[in-house]
N, C-alpha and C. Protein backbone atom coordinates (compact mmCIF):
# COMPACT_ATOMS: atom_id res chain seq x y z
N MET A 1 67.89 124.79 -45.77
CA MET A 1 68.59 125.50 -44.71
C MET A 1 69.50 124.52 -43.99
N HIS A 2 70.68 124.96 -43.68
CA HIS A 2 71.63 124.13 -42.94
C HIS A 2 72.12 124.92 -41.74
N ALA A 3 72.45 124.19 -40.67
CA ALA A 3 72.82 124.81 -39.40
C ALA A 3 74.00 125.76 -39.52
N GLN A 4 74.92 125.47 -40.44
CA GLN A 4 76.11 126.31 -40.56
C GLN A 4 75.77 127.75 -40.91
N LYS A 5 74.65 127.97 -41.54
CA LYS A 5 74.27 129.30 -42.00
C LYS A 5 73.41 130.06 -40.99
N VAL A 6 73.09 129.43 -39.88
CA VAL A 6 72.15 129.98 -38.92
C VAL A 6 72.81 130.14 -37.55
N ARG A 7 72.46 131.18 -36.85
CA ARG A 7 72.98 131.40 -35.50
C ARG A 7 71.89 131.38 -34.44
N ILE A 8 70.61 131.22 -34.86
CA ILE A 8 69.49 131.19 -33.94
C ILE A 8 68.86 129.80 -33.98
N PHE A 9 68.70 129.20 -32.80
CA PHE A 9 68.12 127.86 -32.72
C PHE A 9 66.83 127.88 -31.91
N TRP A 10 65.79 127.31 -32.47
CA TRP A 10 64.52 127.09 -31.79
C TRP A 10 64.60 125.69 -31.20
N LEU A 11 64.40 125.56 -29.89
CA LEU A 11 64.55 124.26 -29.23
C LEU A 11 63.27 123.45 -29.33
N GLY A 12 62.97 123.01 -30.51
CA GLY A 12 61.81 122.19 -30.78
C GLY A 12 61.81 121.85 -32.25
N PRO A 13 61.07 120.86 -32.64
CA PRO A 13 60.02 120.18 -31.89
C PRO A 13 60.55 119.00 -31.07
N GLY A 14 59.80 118.66 -30.03
CA GLY A 14 60.05 117.43 -29.27
C GLY A 14 59.32 116.31 -29.98
N VAL A 15 60.04 115.30 -30.42
CA VAL A 15 59.42 114.27 -31.25
C VAL A 15 59.60 112.85 -30.73
N ASN A 16 60.11 112.70 -29.53
CA ASN A 16 60.25 111.35 -29.00
C ASN A 16 58.88 110.67 -29.01
N ILE A 17 58.86 109.39 -29.26
CA ILE A 17 57.61 108.64 -29.30
C ILE A 17 57.08 108.43 -27.89
N GLN A 18 55.80 108.68 -27.70
CA GLN A 18 55.17 108.48 -26.38
C GLN A 18 55.00 106.99 -26.12
N ARG A 19 55.82 106.46 -25.23
CA ARG A 19 55.76 105.02 -24.93
C ARG A 19 55.20 104.73 -23.54
N SER A 20 55.24 105.70 -22.66
CA SER A 20 54.73 105.52 -21.31
C SER A 20 53.89 106.74 -20.94
N PRO A 21 52.69 106.53 -20.39
CA PRO A 21 51.85 107.66 -19.99
C PRO A 21 52.44 108.41 -18.80
N LEU A 22 53.45 107.85 -18.15
CA LEU A 22 54.07 108.47 -16.99
C LEU A 22 55.22 109.41 -17.35
N ASN A 23 55.59 109.46 -18.64
CA ASN A 23 56.69 110.32 -19.05
C ASN A 23 56.27 111.79 -18.93
N GLY A 24 57.00 112.54 -18.15
CA GLY A 24 56.67 113.93 -17.89
C GLY A 24 56.84 114.86 -19.08
N ARG A 25 57.44 114.39 -20.18
CA ARG A 25 57.64 115.23 -21.36
C ARG A 25 56.65 114.93 -22.48
N ASN A 26 55.70 114.03 -22.26
CA ASN A 26 54.77 113.65 -23.33
C ASN A 26 54.00 114.84 -23.90
N PHE A 27 53.78 115.87 -23.10
CA PHE A 27 53.04 117.04 -23.60
C PHE A 27 53.74 117.69 -24.78
N GLU A 28 55.06 117.49 -24.91
CA GLU A 28 55.83 118.08 -26.01
C GLU A 28 55.77 117.25 -27.28
N TYR A 29 55.52 115.96 -27.15
CA TYR A 29 55.70 115.04 -28.26
C TYR A 29 54.44 114.91 -29.12
N PHE A 30 54.61 114.38 -30.33
CA PHE A 30 53.53 114.29 -31.31
C PHE A 30 52.79 112.97 -31.29
N GLY A 31 52.95 112.16 -30.27
CA GLY A 31 52.17 110.94 -30.15
C GLY A 31 52.99 109.68 -30.20
N GLU A 32 52.28 108.56 -30.41
CA GLU A 32 52.93 107.26 -30.36
C GLU A 32 53.01 106.58 -31.73
N ASP A 33 52.54 107.23 -32.77
CA ASP A 33 52.59 106.66 -34.11
C ASP A 33 53.75 107.29 -34.88
N PRO A 34 54.77 106.51 -35.23
CA PRO A 34 55.94 107.07 -35.91
C PRO A 34 55.61 107.75 -37.23
N PHE A 35 54.66 107.21 -37.99
CA PHE A 35 54.32 107.83 -39.28
C PHE A 35 53.67 109.20 -39.08
N LEU A 36 52.65 109.27 -38.23
CA LEU A 36 51.98 110.55 -38.00
C LEU A 36 52.93 111.57 -37.37
N ALA A 37 53.72 111.12 -36.41
CA ALA A 37 54.68 112.02 -35.77
C ALA A 37 55.67 112.57 -36.80
N SER A 38 56.07 111.73 -37.76
CA SER A 38 57.00 112.18 -38.81
C SER A 38 56.37 113.28 -39.67
N ARG A 39 55.09 113.12 -40.01
CA ARG A 39 54.43 114.11 -40.84
C ARG A 39 54.31 115.45 -40.11
N PHE A 40 53.92 115.41 -38.83
CA PHE A 40 53.86 116.64 -38.02
C PHE A 40 55.24 117.29 -37.92
N THR A 41 56.24 116.46 -37.70
CA THR A 41 57.61 116.95 -37.51
C THR A 41 58.13 117.67 -38.74
N VAL A 42 57.98 117.08 -39.90
CA VAL A 42 58.48 117.69 -41.13
C VAL A 42 57.79 119.04 -41.37
N ALA A 43 56.48 119.09 -41.19
CA ALA A 43 55.75 120.34 -41.39
C ALA A 43 56.19 121.41 -40.39
N TYR A 44 56.34 121.02 -39.15
CA TYR A 44 56.78 121.94 -38.09
C TYR A 44 58.15 122.53 -38.41
N ILE A 45 59.09 121.66 -38.73
CA ILE A 45 60.47 122.10 -39.02
C ILE A 45 60.50 123.00 -40.25
N ASN A 46 59.78 122.62 -41.29
CA ASN A 46 59.74 123.46 -42.50
C ASN A 46 59.20 124.85 -42.18
N GLY A 47 58.19 124.91 -41.33
CA GLY A 47 57.63 126.22 -40.95
C GLY A 47 58.61 127.06 -40.17
N VAL A 48 59.25 126.48 -39.17
CA VAL A 48 60.23 127.21 -38.35
C VAL A 48 61.40 127.67 -39.21
N GLN A 49 61.96 126.77 -39.99
CA GLN A 49 63.16 127.10 -40.74
C GLN A 49 62.88 128.02 -41.92
N SER A 50 61.63 128.14 -42.34
CA SER A 50 61.30 129.10 -43.40
C SER A 50 61.45 130.53 -42.91
N GLN A 51 61.57 130.71 -41.59
CA GLN A 51 61.71 132.03 -40.99
C GLN A 51 63.17 132.37 -40.67
N GLY A 52 64.11 131.55 -41.15
CA GLY A 52 65.53 131.81 -40.91
C GLY A 52 66.03 131.37 -39.55
N VAL A 53 65.28 130.51 -38.90
CA VAL A 53 65.64 129.98 -37.58
C VAL A 53 65.83 128.48 -37.73
N SER A 54 66.86 127.95 -37.09
CA SER A 54 67.10 126.51 -37.15
C SER A 54 66.25 125.80 -36.10
N ALA A 55 65.49 124.81 -36.52
CA ALA A 55 64.75 123.96 -35.58
C ALA A 55 65.73 122.98 -34.94
N THR A 56 65.39 122.53 -33.74
CA THR A 56 66.19 121.54 -33.02
C THR A 56 65.28 120.38 -32.66
N VAL A 57 65.42 119.28 -33.36
CA VAL A 57 64.59 118.11 -33.09
C VAL A 57 65.12 117.41 -31.84
N LYS A 58 64.22 117.05 -30.92
CA LYS A 58 64.64 116.48 -29.65
C LYS A 58 63.61 115.47 -29.13
N HIS A 59 63.91 114.68 -28.27
CA HIS A 59 65.08 114.33 -27.49
C HIS A 59 65.59 113.00 -28.02
N PHE A 60 66.70 113.03 -28.71
CA PHE A 60 67.28 111.90 -29.43
C PHE A 60 67.95 110.95 -28.46
N MET A 61 67.49 109.84 -28.19
CA MET A 61 66.20 109.23 -28.42
C MET A 61 65.83 108.34 -27.24
N ALA A 62 64.61 107.81 -27.30
CA ALA A 62 64.09 106.89 -26.28
C ALA A 62 64.02 107.53 -24.90
N ASN A 63 63.63 108.78 -24.88
CA ASN A 63 63.46 109.51 -23.62
C ASN A 63 62.10 109.14 -23.05
N ASN A 64 62.05 108.09 -22.25
CA ASN A 64 60.79 107.54 -21.77
C ASN A 64 60.47 107.84 -20.32
N SER A 65 61.33 108.58 -19.63
CA SER A 65 61.09 108.81 -18.21
C SER A 65 61.77 110.09 -17.75
N GLU A 66 61.08 110.85 -16.92
CA GLU A 66 61.69 112.01 -16.28
C GLU A 66 62.32 111.60 -14.96
N PHE A 67 61.79 110.56 -14.35
CA PHE A 67 62.33 110.08 -13.08
C PHE A 67 63.72 109.49 -13.30
N ASP A 68 64.70 109.99 -12.56
CA ASP A 68 66.08 109.50 -12.63
C ASP A 68 66.61 109.52 -14.07
N ARG A 69 66.25 110.56 -14.80
CA ARG A 69 66.54 110.61 -16.23
C ARG A 69 68.01 110.58 -16.60
N HIS A 70 68.89 110.95 -15.70
CA HIS A 70 70.32 110.90 -15.99
C HIS A 70 70.88 109.48 -15.92
N ASN A 71 70.12 108.57 -15.33
CA ASN A 71 70.61 107.21 -15.11
C ASN A 71 69.75 106.13 -15.75
N THR A 72 68.60 106.48 -16.26
CA THR A 72 67.72 105.50 -16.89
C THR A 72 68.34 104.99 -18.18
N ASP A 73 68.33 103.67 -18.36
CA ASP A 73 68.90 103.07 -19.56
C ASP A 73 67.79 102.42 -20.37
N SER A 74 67.54 102.95 -21.57
CA SER A 74 66.54 102.38 -22.47
C SER A 74 67.21 101.29 -23.29
N ILE A 75 66.89 100.05 -22.97
CA ILE A 75 67.46 98.90 -23.68
C ILE A 75 66.48 98.55 -24.81
N ILE A 76 66.93 98.77 -26.04
CA ILE A 76 66.04 98.62 -27.20
C ILE A 76 66.80 97.91 -28.32
N ASP A 77 66.19 96.88 -28.88
CA ASP A 77 66.83 96.20 -30.01
C ASP A 77 66.76 97.09 -31.26
N GLU A 78 67.63 96.80 -32.21
CA GLU A 78 67.74 97.66 -33.39
C GLU A 78 66.45 97.70 -34.21
N ARG A 79 65.76 96.59 -34.35
CA ARG A 79 64.52 96.60 -35.12
C ARG A 79 63.49 97.55 -34.51
N THR A 80 63.34 97.50 -33.19
CA THR A 80 62.40 98.40 -32.50
C THR A 80 62.82 99.85 -32.68
N MET A 81 64.11 100.12 -32.58
CA MET A 81 64.58 101.50 -32.79
C MET A 81 64.22 101.98 -34.19
N ARG A 82 64.49 101.15 -35.18
CA ARG A 82 64.27 101.57 -36.57
C ARG A 82 62.80 101.65 -36.95
N GLU A 83 61.95 100.86 -36.30
CA GLU A 83 60.53 100.89 -36.63
C GLU A 83 59.73 101.89 -35.80
N ILE A 84 60.16 102.15 -34.57
CA ILE A 84 59.37 103.00 -33.68
C ILE A 84 60.07 104.31 -33.31
N TYR A 85 61.30 104.24 -32.82
CA TYR A 85 61.96 105.42 -32.26
C TYR A 85 62.67 106.32 -33.28
N LEU A 86 63.26 105.75 -34.31
CA LEU A 86 64.08 106.54 -35.23
C LEU A 86 63.35 107.19 -36.41
N PRO A 87 62.22 106.67 -36.89
CA PRO A 87 61.62 107.25 -38.10
C PRO A 87 61.33 108.76 -38.04
N THR A 88 60.89 109.26 -36.91
CA THR A 88 60.58 110.69 -36.82
C THR A 88 61.84 111.53 -36.91
N PHE A 89 62.90 111.08 -36.24
CA PHE A 89 64.17 111.79 -36.33
C PHE A 89 64.74 111.71 -37.75
N GLU A 90 64.62 110.55 -38.36
CA GLU A 90 65.11 110.38 -39.72
C GLU A 90 64.38 111.31 -40.70
N ALA A 91 63.07 111.42 -40.56
CA ALA A 91 62.30 112.33 -41.42
C ALA A 91 62.74 113.78 -41.18
N ALA A 92 63.01 114.13 -39.93
CA ALA A 92 63.46 115.49 -39.61
C ALA A 92 64.77 115.81 -40.34
N VAL A 93 65.67 114.82 -40.40
CA VAL A 93 66.97 115.02 -41.04
C VAL A 93 66.85 114.96 -42.56
N LYS A 94 66.28 113.88 -43.07
CA LYS A 94 66.28 113.65 -44.52
C LYS A 94 65.27 114.49 -45.29
N GLU A 95 64.09 114.72 -44.71
CA GLU A 95 63.05 115.45 -45.44
C GLU A 95 63.04 116.94 -45.12
N ALA A 96 63.15 117.28 -43.83
CA ALA A 96 63.06 118.68 -43.43
C ALA A 96 64.42 119.36 -43.29
N HIS A 97 65.50 118.60 -43.34
CA HIS A 97 66.86 119.13 -43.23
C HIS A 97 67.02 119.97 -41.96
N VAL A 98 66.59 119.39 -40.85
CA VAL A 98 66.66 120.09 -39.57
C VAL A 98 68.10 120.54 -39.29
N GLY A 99 68.23 121.68 -38.65
CA GLY A 99 69.55 122.24 -38.38
C GLY A 99 70.25 121.68 -37.16
N ALA A 100 69.49 121.14 -36.20
CA ALA A 100 70.11 120.64 -34.97
C ALA A 100 69.32 119.47 -34.41
N ILE A 101 70.04 118.59 -33.75
CA ILE A 101 69.46 117.48 -33.00
C ILE A 101 69.89 117.65 -31.55
N MET A 102 68.93 117.55 -30.63
CA MET A 102 69.27 117.59 -29.21
C MET A 102 69.17 116.18 -28.65
N ASN A 103 70.27 115.74 -28.04
CA ASN A 103 70.28 114.44 -27.38
C ASN A 103 69.43 114.46 -26.12
N SER A 104 69.02 113.28 -25.70
CA SER A 104 68.26 113.13 -24.46
C SER A 104 69.21 112.89 -23.28
N TYR A 105 68.67 112.86 -22.08
CA TYR A 105 69.46 112.64 -20.88
C TYR A 105 69.84 111.17 -20.69
N ASN A 106 68.93 110.30 -21.05
CA ASN A 106 69.06 108.88 -20.72
C ASN A 106 70.19 108.18 -21.47
N LEU A 107 70.46 106.99 -21.02
CA LEU A 107 71.35 106.09 -21.74
C LEU A 107 70.50 105.31 -22.73
N VAL A 108 71.11 104.91 -23.83
CA VAL A 108 70.47 104.01 -24.79
C VAL A 108 71.43 102.84 -24.97
N ASN A 109 70.96 101.69 -24.58
CA ASN A 109 71.76 100.46 -24.66
C ASN A 109 73.13 100.62 -24.00
N GLY A 110 73.14 101.22 -22.82
CA GLY A 110 74.35 101.31 -22.01
C GLY A 110 75.22 102.53 -22.21
N SER A 111 74.86 103.41 -23.13
CA SER A 111 75.67 104.60 -23.41
C SER A 111 74.79 105.84 -23.37
N HIS A 112 75.22 106.86 -22.62
CA HIS A 112 74.45 108.11 -22.61
C HIS A 112 74.27 108.61 -24.04
N ALA A 113 73.12 109.20 -24.31
CA ALA A 113 72.82 109.68 -25.66
C ALA A 113 73.89 110.65 -26.16
N THR A 114 74.41 111.48 -25.28
CA THR A 114 75.44 112.45 -25.69
C THR A 114 76.78 111.78 -25.99
N GLN A 115 76.91 110.52 -25.66
CA GLN A 115 78.16 109.79 -25.89
C GLN A 115 77.92 108.58 -26.79
N ASN A 116 76.77 108.50 -27.39
CA ASN A 116 76.37 107.31 -28.12
C ASN A 116 76.85 107.37 -29.57
N ASN A 117 78.00 106.79 -29.81
CA ASN A 117 78.62 106.79 -31.12
C ASN A 117 77.69 106.20 -32.18
N TRP A 118 77.01 105.11 -31.88
CA TRP A 118 76.13 104.48 -32.86
C TRP A 118 75.02 105.43 -33.28
N MET A 119 74.34 106.04 -32.33
CA MET A 119 73.24 106.95 -32.65
C MET A 119 73.71 108.20 -33.37
N ASN A 120 74.69 108.87 -32.80
CA ASN A 120 75.10 110.19 -33.30
C ASN A 120 75.97 110.13 -34.55
N ASN A 121 77.01 109.30 -34.52
CA ASN A 121 77.94 109.25 -35.65
C ASN A 121 77.50 108.29 -36.74
N GLN A 122 77.18 107.06 -36.34
CA GLN A 122 76.86 106.05 -37.35
C GLN A 122 75.51 106.29 -38.02
N VAL A 123 74.46 106.52 -37.21
CA VAL A 123 73.12 106.66 -37.78
C VAL A 123 72.89 108.09 -38.28
N ALA A 124 72.91 109.08 -37.38
CA ALA A 124 72.54 110.45 -37.78
C ALA A 124 73.51 111.03 -38.81
N LYS A 125 74.80 111.00 -38.52
CA LYS A 125 75.75 111.68 -39.40
C LYS A 125 76.11 110.88 -40.65
N LYS A 126 76.40 109.59 -40.49
CA LYS A 126 76.83 108.82 -41.66
C LYS A 126 75.66 108.27 -42.46
N GLU A 127 74.75 107.55 -41.79
CA GLU A 127 73.65 106.91 -42.53
C GLU A 127 72.67 107.93 -43.10
N TRP A 128 72.27 108.90 -42.29
CA TRP A 128 71.28 109.89 -42.73
C TRP A 128 71.90 111.11 -43.40
N GLY A 129 73.20 111.31 -43.24
CA GLY A 129 73.86 112.48 -43.83
C GLY A 129 73.62 113.78 -43.09
N PHE A 130 73.35 113.69 -41.78
CA PHE A 130 73.09 114.90 -40.99
C PHE A 130 74.35 115.76 -40.92
N ASP A 131 74.22 117.04 -41.31
CA ASP A 131 75.38 117.93 -41.32
C ASP A 131 75.20 119.14 -40.39
N GLY A 132 74.23 119.05 -39.50
CA GLY A 132 74.00 120.14 -38.55
C GLY A 132 74.72 119.89 -37.24
N ILE A 133 74.19 120.46 -36.19
CA ILE A 133 74.79 120.38 -34.85
C ILE A 133 74.04 119.38 -34.01
N ILE A 134 74.78 118.50 -33.34
CA ILE A 134 74.18 117.64 -32.32
C ILE A 134 74.55 118.28 -30.99
N MET A 135 73.52 118.67 -30.25
CA MET A 135 73.74 119.35 -28.96
C MET A 135 73.18 118.53 -27.81
N SER A 136 73.71 118.79 -26.64
CA SER A 136 73.20 118.13 -25.45
C SER A 136 71.97 118.86 -24.93
N ASP A 137 71.14 118.13 -24.20
CA ASP A 137 70.13 118.81 -23.40
C ASP A 137 70.88 119.42 -22.22
N TRP A 138 70.25 120.27 -21.47
CA TRP A 138 70.91 121.00 -20.39
C TRP A 138 71.48 120.02 -19.36
N THR A 139 72.78 120.12 -19.13
CA THR A 139 73.55 119.31 -18.17
C THR A 139 73.47 117.81 -18.45
N SER A 140 73.34 117.42 -19.71
CA SER A 140 73.30 115.99 -20.02
C SER A 140 74.59 115.51 -20.67
N THR A 141 75.68 116.21 -20.44
CA THR A 141 77.01 115.77 -20.88
C THR A 141 77.72 115.25 -19.64
N TYR A 142 78.35 114.08 -19.78
CA TYR A 142 78.88 113.39 -18.60
C TYR A 142 80.37 113.10 -18.66
N ASP A 143 80.96 113.20 -19.85
CA ASP A 143 82.36 112.82 -20.01
C ASP A 143 82.92 113.50 -21.25
N THR A 144 84.09 114.09 -21.14
CA THR A 144 84.69 114.83 -22.26
C THR A 144 85.00 113.92 -23.44
N ALA A 145 85.78 112.87 -23.21
CA ALA A 145 86.17 111.99 -24.32
C ALA A 145 84.96 111.28 -24.90
N GLY A 146 84.08 110.81 -24.05
CA GLY A 146 82.89 110.10 -24.53
C GLY A 146 82.03 110.98 -25.40
N ALA A 147 81.81 112.22 -24.98
CA ALA A 147 80.97 113.14 -25.74
C ALA A 147 81.65 113.58 -27.04
N ALA A 148 82.91 113.94 -26.96
CA ALA A 148 83.62 114.41 -28.15
C ALA A 148 83.74 113.31 -29.20
N ASN A 149 84.07 112.11 -28.78
CA ASN A 149 84.19 111.00 -29.72
C ASN A 149 82.83 110.41 -30.09
N GLY A 150 81.83 110.64 -29.25
CA GLY A 150 80.51 110.08 -29.48
C GLY A 150 79.62 110.92 -30.38
N GLY A 151 80.14 112.01 -30.90
CA GLY A 151 79.39 112.78 -31.89
C GLY A 151 78.77 114.07 -31.39
N LEU A 152 78.92 114.40 -30.11
CA LEU A 152 78.35 115.64 -29.60
C LEU A 152 79.14 116.83 -30.14
N ASP A 153 78.44 117.84 -30.65
CA ASP A 153 79.08 119.03 -31.21
C ASP A 153 79.01 120.23 -30.28
N LEU A 154 77.95 120.31 -29.48
CA LEU A 154 77.73 121.48 -28.65
C LEU A 154 77.17 121.06 -27.31
N GLU A 155 77.84 121.47 -26.24
CA GLU A 155 77.38 121.16 -24.88
C GLU A 155 76.59 122.35 -24.35
N MET A 156 75.39 122.05 -23.86
CA MET A 156 74.53 123.11 -23.32
C MET A 156 74.32 122.89 -21.82
N PRO A 157 74.19 123.93 -21.03
CA PRO A 157 74.16 125.34 -21.41
C PRO A 157 75.54 125.98 -21.42
N SER A 158 76.57 125.25 -21.02
CA SER A 158 77.92 125.80 -21.03
C SER A 158 78.89 124.66 -21.33
N ALA A 159 80.13 125.00 -21.49
CA ALA A 159 81.15 124.02 -21.86
C ALA A 159 81.85 123.46 -20.61
N ARG A 160 81.12 122.73 -19.82
CA ARG A 160 81.71 122.10 -18.61
C ARG A 160 82.69 121.00 -19.00
N PHE A 161 82.36 120.22 -20.02
CA PHE A 161 83.21 119.12 -20.47
C PHE A 161 83.89 119.41 -21.80
N LEU A 162 83.19 120.04 -22.73
CA LEU A 162 83.77 120.33 -24.05
C LEU A 162 84.39 121.72 -24.04
N ASN A 163 85.56 121.80 -23.44
CA ASN A 163 86.29 123.07 -23.37
C ASN A 163 87.77 122.82 -23.64
N LYS A 164 88.50 123.89 -23.85
CA LYS A 164 89.92 123.80 -24.21
C LYS A 164 90.73 123.07 -23.16
N GLU A 165 90.46 123.34 -21.89
CA GLU A 165 91.24 122.72 -20.82
C GLU A 165 91.08 121.20 -20.78
N LYS A 166 89.91 120.71 -21.15
CA LYS A 166 89.68 119.27 -21.11
C LYS A 166 89.94 118.58 -22.45
N LEU A 167 89.76 119.30 -23.56
CA LEU A 167 89.97 118.69 -24.87
C LEU A 167 91.45 118.62 -25.26
N LEU A 168 92.24 119.65 -24.94
CA LEU A 168 93.66 119.64 -25.34
C LEU A 168 94.44 118.45 -24.80
N PRO A 169 94.30 118.11 -23.51
CA PRO A 169 95.02 116.91 -23.03
C PRO A 169 94.60 115.63 -23.77
N LEU A 170 93.34 115.52 -24.13
CA LEU A 170 92.87 114.35 -24.88
C LEU A 170 93.51 114.28 -26.26
N ILE A 171 93.67 115.45 -26.89
CA ILE A 171 94.32 115.50 -28.20
C ILE A 171 95.78 115.09 -28.05
N LYS A 172 96.46 115.61 -27.04
CA LYS A 172 97.88 115.29 -26.81
C LYS A 172 98.09 113.82 -26.48
N GLU A 173 97.12 113.22 -25.79
CA GLU A 173 97.21 111.80 -25.41
C GLU A 173 96.71 110.88 -26.52
N GLY A 174 96.23 111.45 -27.60
CA GLY A 174 95.73 110.65 -28.72
C GLY A 174 94.36 110.04 -28.48
N LYS A 175 93.63 110.55 -27.51
CA LYS A 175 92.29 110.02 -27.20
C LYS A 175 91.19 110.74 -27.98
N PHE A 176 91.59 111.81 -28.65
CA PHE A 176 90.65 112.57 -29.47
C PHE A 176 91.46 113.19 -30.59
N ARG A 177 91.07 112.94 -31.82
CA ARG A 177 91.85 113.42 -32.96
C ARG A 177 91.58 114.89 -33.24
N LYS A 178 92.64 115.65 -33.41
CA LYS A 178 92.52 117.08 -33.69
C LYS A 178 91.77 117.33 -34.99
N VAL A 179 91.94 116.46 -35.96
CA VAL A 179 91.24 116.64 -37.23
C VAL A 179 89.73 116.54 -37.01
N LEU A 180 89.29 115.70 -36.09
CA LEU A 180 87.88 115.60 -35.77
C LEU A 180 87.39 116.89 -35.14
N LEU A 181 88.19 117.46 -34.26
CA LEU A 181 87.85 118.73 -33.63
C LEU A 181 87.73 119.84 -34.67
N THR A 182 88.68 119.89 -35.59
CA THR A 182 88.66 120.90 -36.65
C THR A 182 87.41 120.74 -37.51
N THR A 183 87.09 119.51 -37.86
CA THR A 183 85.90 119.25 -38.67
C THR A 183 84.64 119.65 -37.94
N LYS A 184 84.57 119.34 -36.65
CA LYS A 184 83.38 119.63 -35.85
C LYS A 184 83.09 121.12 -35.76
N PHE A 185 84.10 121.92 -35.49
CA PHE A 185 83.85 123.29 -35.09
C PHE A 185 84.24 124.36 -36.11
N ALA A 186 85.04 124.04 -37.10
CA ALA A 186 85.56 125.06 -38.01
C ALA A 186 84.48 125.86 -38.69
N GLU A 187 83.47 125.18 -39.23
CA GLU A 187 82.45 125.92 -39.99
C GLU A 187 81.61 126.82 -39.13
N TYR A 188 81.55 126.58 -37.83
CA TYR A 188 80.71 127.41 -36.95
C TYR A 188 81.44 128.65 -36.46
N TYR A 189 82.75 128.69 -36.62
CA TYR A 189 83.53 129.80 -36.10
C TYR A 189 84.34 130.50 -37.18
N GLU A 190 83.89 130.44 -38.43
CA GLU A 190 84.62 131.10 -39.51
C GLU A 190 84.51 132.61 -39.41
């Protein structure tokens, strides 16, 4: 199943790794072991998507705090990301072919998840071959150019930043390529 063929999204599973007992979202997550969380995640997504509904794996990634979540910056070296934080998301994409990824609110290494080119474009889309939708969590989009160029496909719950009035000037100024816009949205609006 691929996101392009589906119009209904289930906002789960939450698969961020439990790193702090104080994280208010831990009740959603599958634990602190990346291997076990990956196995739960793949089974969950396969079950949801077998019913014609696209699963949305979330919160991509390193969502370790509810307190000041729009401003918290998770500083994580690449080895730690690849060994602890990314394996569950990678399994969701490569094994279960999840239809959507939901970004988290926080920053990761200085860049909001919704604007994080390395996470969204380089890792999820290019390295893993993710061809679904990367969406924001509710009100976690902060900048039009950053989000559009950083790999965000869908802003939730509304298009406060990713809208015609804000994207067209960026295209005209050469800050966002029209071909990227066409690639991002064409298959969803055929």
